[in-house]
Amino acid sequence: MINRIGLGFAVMLQCLAASEGGTAGGGTAGEPRIPEHYGDIPERFACYSVVLKPEVEREEWWAGAPSVVLDSLGTFWMACRMRTADAPRGLRGYELRLLRSRDGVIFETVRRIRREQVPIPGFERPALLFDPVSNAFKLYGCGPWNGGPWCVIKFDDFEDPAQFDPSTARPVIEPPEKSWEREIIVSEIKDPVIFYARDFYHAYVIGYLRRNERIYHYTSADGETWQPADEPNRSLLPLAGWHDFFVRPAGILPVGTGYLFFYEGSSTSWYDPVYNVVTGLAFTFDLHSLIDLTPDSPLLVSRTPGQFATWRYSHWMWVDGQIWVYAEVATPKGTHEIRLYRIAPENLGRQHWRRF
């Protein structure tokens, strides 16, 4: 069932992305838009549940960057980043929060890791992984380490996420060193997406190169020691089309013969593209080479935009034959909240199964 749904979803989106007609996303309008030739795919994300709101319902207070796992007992665990408006931009992530749920909808907080406890000036996206090898949980974060650049950090593993110890944080993926004085290299690394497949741990991260965000891939045999999967400055997707300002990793969904690779981006023509970040879709057979299925316009934007149309930091997973998506989405109040979208097989459209 999973293979059939996922492959149909991938083929359907690829065919839609290659169709004629519609309006490209963003060009002259100054804001992200969804083209008509995507058909009713965006409508499948019209219904959602609000999983977590920010602590203050005020502009620029955000709850987001969810990373979710389902353990062997059927319990959902989430790690996310809480953000305040009362701090310098870039350092507003004040807490990594760990939550637990029986149904994946209603979560209770089990652990708060404050930036002062690490200590670190600020957090962004965490990554939570249930390790199939050790049956323990792994937690990764990111932030400026010891007065230096942004890097990916990791905490000691625990069988209970409520026990994660902030004092055990240490850097595991750092920017490369220059080989010569004027070499152009990735200067900062952040927002890990951690995925275990084919006997390896894979980390997809944001790397800053010439002040733009791009996608980089690292691999590890143990989840502790990481190496670039390619030349360290080679991004998996280019700055092009609607994602010519930023292009960033979002989430991965296995679909039998390969993987759907969800990415984020923004356009230089949009209002404030640093935060006006929305989502597109690629496909990969080998977890490294990406085929961009939405090169001309994004696939998903906030249906409740305020100043931003942000739909980002999405986590995609299979739950009982459905695609469940947790994402950070902008609201009219200027806040961001974590929403859950549940895409059932019938919602992918029976006509598409007949066609493909």
Protein backbone atom coordinates (compact mmCIF):
# COMPACT_ATOMS: atom_id res chain seq x y z
CA MET A 1 0.00 0.00 0.00
CA ILE A 2 2.74 2.46 0.96
CA ASN A 3 4.67 1.84 -2.26
CA ARG A 4 1.54 2.24 -4.38
CA ILE A 5 0.47 5.47 -2.69
CA GLY A 6 3.92 7.01 -2.63
CA LEU A 7 4.83 6.11 -6.20
CA GLY A 8 1.49 7.35 -7.47
CA PHE A 9 1.96 10.59 -5.54
CA ALA A 10 5.45 11.08 -7.00
CA VAL A 11 4.44 10.29 -10.58
CA MET A 12 1.32 12.45 -10.35
CA LEU A 13 3.28 15.44 -9.09
CA GLN A 14 5.99 14.95 -11.70
CA CYS A 15 3.41 14.91 -14.49
CA LEU A 16 1.70 17.99 -13.08
CA ALA A 17 5.02 19.81 -12.78
CA ALA A 18 5.74 19.11 -16.45
CA SER A 19 2.31 20.31 -17.63
CA GLU A 20 1.66 23.50 -19.53
CA GLY A 21 -0.24 26.49 -18.17
CA GLY A 22 -0.57 28.20 -14.82
CA THR A 23 1.32 31.04 -13.24
CA ALA A 24 4.87 30.66 -12.04
CA GLY A 25 5.42 31.15 -8.34
CA GLY A 26 6.70 34.47 -7.27
CA GLY A 27 8.17 36.16 -10.36
CA THR A 28 6.72 39.64 -10.51
CA ALA A 29 4.10 39.44 -7.78
CA GLY A 30 6.57 39.75 -4.90
CA GLU A 31 4.98 36.85 -3.03
CA PRO A 32 4.88 33.05 -3.29
CA ARG A 33 2.05 31.67 -5.43
CA ILE A 34 0.86 28.22 -6.48
CA PRO A 35 0.32 27.68 -10.24
CA GLU A 36 -2.91 26.34 -11.69
CA HIS A 37 -1.21 23.37 -13.35
CA TYR A 38 -0.66 21.70 -9.95
CA GLY A 39 -4.37 20.98 -10.09
CA ASP A 40 -5.97 20.11 -6.76
CA ILE A 41 -2.77 18.88 -5.07
CA PRO A 42 -2.48 22.00 -2.84
CA GLU A 43 -6.14 21.54 -1.83
CA ARG A 44 -5.22 18.24 -0.20
CA PHE A 45 -3.47 20.36 2.44
CA ALA A 46 -6.48 22.55 3.22
CA CYS A 47 -7.40 20.62 6.39
CA TYR A 48 -5.04 20.45 9.34
CA SER A 49 -4.79 20.17 13.10
CA VAL A 50 -2.86 22.73 15.14
CA VAL A 51 -0.38 20.74 17.21
CA LEU A 52 1.55 23.51 18.97
CA LYS A 53 1.25 27.29 19.21
CA PRO A 54 3.92 29.72 20.44
CA GLU A 55 3.90 30.61 24.12
CA VAL A 56 2.88 34.21 23.27
CA GLU A 57 0.26 34.92 20.59
CA ARG A 58 2.12 37.93 19.25
CA GLU A 59 3.94 38.76 16.02
CA GLU A 60 7.27 36.96 15.52
CA TRP A 61 6.73 34.49 18.36
CA TRP A 62 7.04 31.11 16.66
CA ALA A 63 6.61 27.44 17.47
CA GLY A 64 8.14 25.34 14.73
CA ALA A 65 10.83 23.18 13.17
CA PRO A 66 9.16 19.87 14.19
CA SER A 67 10.97 16.54 14.01
CA VAL A 68 8.76 13.56 14.80
CA VAL A 69 9.33 9.84 15.34
CA LEU A 70 7.04 6.90 16.08
CA ASP A 71 8.60 4.35 18.43
CA SER A 72 8.11 0.57 18.50
CA LEU A 73 5.27 0.92 21.06
CA GLY A 74 3.28 3.33 18.88
CA THR A 75 4.14 6.48 20.85
CA PHE A 76 4.83 9.70 18.94
CA TRP A 77 7.75 11.88 20.03
CA MET A 78 8.43 15.38 18.79
CA ALA A 79 11.38 17.75 19.07
CA CYS A 80 10.79 21.36 18.06
CA ARG A 81 12.20 24.86 18.38
CA MET A 82 10.47 27.63 20.34
CA ARG A 83 11.24 31.19 19.23
CA THR A 84 10.82 34.57 20.92
CA ALA A 85 10.46 38.01 19.33
CA ASP A 86 12.47 39.56 22.17
CA ALA A 87 16.01 38.78 21.00
CA PRO A 88 18.32 39.69 18.10
CA ARG A 89 17.35 38.13 14.77
CA GLY A 90 19.20 34.90 14.21
CA LEU A 91 19.33 34.17 17.95
CA ARG A 92 15.64 33.96 18.82
CA GLY A 93 15.39 30.21 19.33
CA TYR A 94 15.29 30.04 23.12
CA GLU A 95 14.30 26.40 23.69
CA LEU A 96 14.29 22.90 22.25
CA ARG A 97 11.12 21.23 23.43
CA LEU A 98 10.50 17.46 23.62
CA LEU A 99 6.89 16.28 23.53
CA ARG A 100 5.04 12.95 23.65
CA SER A 101 1.69 11.86 22.18
CA ARG A 102 -0.44 8.73 22.01
CA ASP A 103 -2.24 9.77 18.82
CA GLY A 104 0.19 12.15 17.09
CA VAL A 105 -2.22 15.07 17.50
CA ILE A 106 -2.36 15.98 21.18
CA PHE A 107 1.15 16.34 22.63
CA GLU A 108 2.39 16.86 26.16
CA THR A 109 5.75 18.42 27.02
CA VAL A 110 8.25 16.05 28.65
CA ARG A 111 11.49 18.05 28.42
CA ARG A 112 12.64 21.62 27.83
CA ILE A 113 16.25 22.34 26.90
CA ARG A 114 16.91 26.04 27.34
CA ARG A 115 19.72 27.73 25.46
CA GLU A 116 21.26 28.85 28.77
CA GLN A 117 21.60 25.22 29.87
CA VAL A 118 23.92 24.22 27.03
CA PRO A 119 24.96 27.11 26.88
CA ILE A 120 24.39 28.39 23.35
CA PRO A 121 23.22 31.82 22.07
CA GLY A 122 20.25 30.40 20.18
CA PHE A 123 18.73 27.28 18.62
CA GLU A 124 17.14 26.50 15.30
CA ARG A 125 15.84 23.25 13.84
CA PRO A 126 16.42 20.07 15.88
CA ALA A 127 16.42 16.51 14.53
CA LEU A 128 15.05 13.60 16.56
CA LEU A 129 15.79 10.01 15.53
CA PHE A 130 14.78 6.64 16.95
CA ASP A 131 17.90 4.63 16.27
CA PRO A 132 16.98 1.21 14.80
CA VAL A 133 20.43 -0.12 15.70
CA SER A 134 20.60 0.82 19.41
CA ASN A 135 16.86 1.32 20.12
CA ALA A 136 17.77 4.63 21.75
CA PHE A 137 16.79 8.15 20.77
CA LYS A 138 19.24 10.56 19.17
CA LEU A 139 18.79 14.34 19.39
CA TYR A 140 20.61 16.85 17.23
CA GLY A 141 20.39 20.63 17.28
CA CYS A 142 22.25 23.59 15.83
CA GLY A 143 23.52 27.00 16.83
CA PRO A 144 26.68 29.11 17.18
CA TRP A 145 29.17 27.03 19.15
CA ASN A 146 31.63 28.63 21.63
CA GLY A 147 31.53 32.01 19.92
CA GLY A 148 32.16 30.45 16.53
CA PRO A 149 29.99 29.77 13.47
CA TRP A 150 26.74 27.83 13.38
CA CYS A 151 27.22 24.07 13.44
CA VAL A 152 25.24 20.90 14.12
CA ILE A 153 25.39 19.69 17.72
CA LYS A 154 24.41 16.36 19.27
CA PHE A 155 23.31 15.30 22.74
CA ASP A 156 24.01 11.93 24.35
CA ASP A 157 21.56 9.18 23.39
CA PHE A 158 18.81 8.09 25.81
CA GLU A 159 16.08 5.48 25.77
CA ASP A 160 13.66 8.12 27.11
CA PRO A 161 13.63 11.56 25.39
CA ALA A 162 12.64 13.13 28.72
CA GLN A 163 16.19 12.40 29.90
CA PHE A 164 18.16 14.30 27.24
CA ASP A 165 20.97 16.13 29.05
CA PRO A 166 21.86 19.65 27.78
CA SER A 167 25.35 19.41 29.30
CA THR A 168 26.27 16.61 26.86
CA ALA A 169 25.91 18.79 23.74
CA ARG A 170 28.93 18.91 21.46
CA PRO A 171 29.52 19.79 17.77
CA VAL A 172 29.41 16.93 15.27
CA ILE A 173 29.16 18.74 11.90
CA GLU A 174 31.17 21.94 11.53
CA PRO A 175 32.05 24.16 8.55
CA PRO A 176 35.16 23.04 6.65
CA GLU A 177 38.53 24.76 7.05
CA LYS A 178 39.91 26.91 4.24
CA SER A 179 42.66 25.40 2.12
CA TRP A 180 43.86 28.80 0.94
CA GLU A 181 43.22 32.40 1.92
CA ARG A 182 40.56 33.41 -0.62
CA GLU A 183 38.85 30.03 -0.96
CA ILE A 184 35.04 30.28 -1.07
CA ILE A 185 33.70 27.72 1.41
CA VAL A 186 30.59 26.97 3.43
CA SER A 187 30.89 29.29 6.41
CA GLU A 188 28.05 28.04 8.67
CA ILE A 189 25.97 24.86 8.95
CA LYS A 190 22.50 24.54 10.50
CA ASP A 191 19.04 22.93 10.48
CA PRO A 192 19.85 19.20 10.17
CA VAL A 193 17.42 16.69 8.68
CA ILE A 194 18.63 13.28 9.92
CA PHE A 195 17.51 10.10 8.18
CA TYR A 196 18.64 6.46 8.58
CA ALA A 197 18.63 4.30 5.45
CA ARG A 198 20.79 1.70 3.70
CA ASP A 199 22.88 1.10 6.85
CA PHE A 200 23.97 4.73 7.08
CA TYR A 201 22.87 7.88 8.83
CA HIS A 202 22.25 10.76 6.42
CA ALA A 203 22.28 14.43 7.41
CA TYR A 204 20.93 17.07 5.05
CA VAL A 205 21.89 20.50 6.30
CA ILE A 206 21.73 24.17 5.37
CA GLY A 207 25.13 25.60 4.53
CA TYR A 208 25.85 29.30 4.06
CA LEU A 209 27.89 29.93 0.91
CA ARG A 210 28.33 33.57 -0.13
CA ARG A 211 25.49 34.58 2.23
CA ASN A 212 22.98 32.24 0.58
CA GLU A 213 21.53 29.06 2.04
CA ARG A 214 22.03 25.81 0.11
CA ILE A 215 21.64 22.05 0.68
CA TYR A 216 24.57 19.83 1.71
CA HIS A 217 24.69 16.10 2.42
CA TYR A 218 26.74 14.31 5.10
CA THR A 219 26.85 10.61 5.97
CA SER A 220 27.86 8.64 9.06
CA ALA A 221 28.26 5.01 10.05
CA ASP A 222 27.38 5.67 13.70
CA GLY A 223 25.54 9.02 13.87
CA GLU A 224 28.51 10.59 15.64
CA THR A 225 31.30 11.04 13.09
CA TRP A 226 30.17 12.67 9.85
CA GLN A 227 31.77 13.14 6.44
CA PRO A 228 30.61 15.09 3.36
CA ALA A 229 28.93 12.80 0.86
CA ASP A 230 30.40 14.88 -1.96
CA GLU A 231 32.73 17.82 -2.51
CA PRO A 232 32.03 19.95 0.62
CA ASN A 233 30.93 23.08 -1.30
CA ARG A 234 28.67 21.32 -3.83
CA SER A 235 24.97 21.93 -3.17
CA LEU A 236 22.40 19.23 -3.97
CA LEU A 237 20.15 21.81 -5.70
CA PRO A 238 21.15 25.09 -7.38
CA LEU A 239 19.96 28.59 -6.61
CA ALA A 240 17.59 28.83 -9.59
CA GLY A 241 13.98 29.49 -10.57
CA TRP A 242 11.71 30.31 -7.64
CA HIS A 243 14.43 29.22 -5.16
CA ASP A 244 17.16 31.55 -6.45
CA PHE A 245 17.71 33.18 -3.02
CA PHE A 246 17.57 30.22 -0.61
CA VAL A 247 17.26 26.46 -1.17
CA ARG A 248 17.10 24.26 1.96
CA PRO A 249 16.34 20.66 3.01
CA ALA A 250 12.94 19.92 4.54
CA GLY A 251 12.00 16.23 4.76
CA ILE A 252 12.29 12.78 3.18
CA LEU A 253 9.62 10.15 2.47
CA PRO A 254 10.51 6.64 1.22
CA VAL A 255 8.31 5.46 -1.67
CA GLY A 256 9.58 2.01 -2.62
CA THR A 257 11.88 2.62 -5.59
CA GLY A 258 13.29 5.83 -4.13
CA TYR A 259 12.54 8.81 -1.94
CA LEU A 260 10.50 11.98 -2.16
CA PHE A 261 12.78 14.81 -1.06
CA PHE A 262 10.93 17.89 0.15
CA TYR A 263 12.91 21.10 0.06
CA GLU A 264 12.34 24.78 0.87
CA GLY A 265 13.25 27.93 -0.92
CA SER A 266 12.64 31.59 -1.53
CA SER A 267 12.96 34.06 -4.39
CA THR A 268 14.93 37.29 -4.61
CA SER A 269 11.74 38.91 -5.96
CA TRP A 270 9.66 38.10 -2.86
CA TYR A 271 9.16 40.30 0.17
CA ASP A 272 11.79 39.46 2.83
CA PRO A 273 12.98 36.13 1.34
CA VAL A 274 14.99 35.33 4.48
CA TYR A 275 11.71 34.43 6.25
CA ASN A 276 9.25 34.07 3.35
CA VAL A 277 10.24 30.44 2.88
CA VAL A 278 7.95 27.86 1.22
CA THR A 279 8.14 24.25 0.05
CA GLY A 280 8.88 22.36 -3.16
CA LEU A 281 9.46 18.74 -4.11
CA ALA A 282 12.27 16.64 -5.60
CA PHE A 283 12.89 12.92 -6.06
CA THR A 284 16.00 10.82 -5.45
CA PHE A 285 16.93 7.21 -6.14
CA ASP A 286 20.23 7.26 -4.26
CA LEU A 287 19.62 9.77 -1.41
CA HIS A 288 22.03 12.21 -3.04
CA SER A 289 21.22 13.08 -6.67
CA LEU A 290 18.01 15.13 -6.71
CA ILE A 291 15.50 15.54 -9.55
CA ASP A 292 13.62 18.80 -9.00
CA LEU A 293 9.91 18.15 -9.64
CA THR A 294 8.86 21.75 -8.91
CA PRO A 295 11.58 23.92 -10.50
CA ASP A 296 9.35 26.80 -11.57
CA SER A 297 7.09 27.36 -8.59
CA PRO A 298 6.57 26.10 -5.01
CA LEU A 299 4.13 23.34 -4.17
CA LEU A 300 2.99 24.42 -0.68
CA VAL A 301 2.54 27.87 0.89
CA SER A 302 0.58 29.02 3.94
CA ARG A 303 -3.16 29.23 3.35
CA THR A 304 -3.32 31.66 6.30
CA PRO A 305 -0.56 34.14 5.43
CA GLY A 306 0.22 37.26 7.39
CA GLN A 307 3.28 39.25 6.49
CA PHE A 308 4.81 35.98 5.28
CA ALA A 309 3.40 32.99 3.38
CA THR A 310 5.85 30.69 5.15
CA TRP A 311 5.31 26.89 4.98
CA ARG A 312 8.60 25.32 6.04
CA TYR A 313 10.48 22.92 8.32
CA SER A 314 8.19 20.06 7.33
CA HIS A 315 8.55 16.49 8.56
CA TRP A 316 6.98 13.73 6.40
CA MET A 317 6.24 10.23 7.63
CA TRP A 318 4.08 7.15 7.01
CA VAL A 319 1.43 6.38 9.64
CA ASP A 320 -0.96 3.46 8.99
CA GLY A 321 -0.83 3.91 5.22
CA GLN A 322 -1.34 7.67 5.37
CA ILE A 323 1.16 10.45 4.76
CA TRP A 324 1.43 12.58 7.89
CA VAL A 325 3.09 15.96 7.59
CA TYR A 326 4.12 18.21 10.48
CA ALA A 327 5.09 21.71 9.37
CA GLU A 328 5.80 25.22 10.65
CA VAL A 329 3.22 27.53 9.05
CA ALA A 330 2.60 31.29 9.15
CA THR A 331 -0.63 32.72 10.59
CA PRO A 332 -2.37 36.08 10.01
CA LYS A 333 -1.18 37.24 13.46
CA GLY A 334 2.45 37.06 12.36
CA THR A 335 3.05 33.98 14.52
CA HIS A 336 4.12 30.55 13.31
CA GLU A 337 2.52 27.35 14.60
CA ILE A 338 3.07 23.63 14.09
CA ARG A 339 0.33 22.00 12.03
CA LEU A 340 -0.40 18.39 11.18
CA TYR A 341 -1.72 17.41 7.74
CA ARG A 342 -3.00 13.86 7.19
CA ILE A 343 -3.15 12.77 3.55
CA ALA A 344 -5.24 9.63 3.18
CA PRO A 345 -4.93 7.32 0.13
CA GLU A 346 -8.36 8.35 -1.18
CA ASN A 347 -7.30 11.99 -1.01
CA LEU A 348 -4.64 11.37 -3.65
CA GLY A 349 -7.41 10.99 -6.23
CA ARG A 350 -8.73 7.73 -7.66
CA GLN A 351 -8.61 9.13 -11.19
CA HIS A 352 -4.83 9.35 -10.90
CA TRP A 353 -4.54 5.64 -10.07
CA ARG A 354 -6.48 4.83 -13.26
CA ARG A 355 -4.32 7.19 -15.29
CA PHE A 356 -0.94 6.04 -13.98
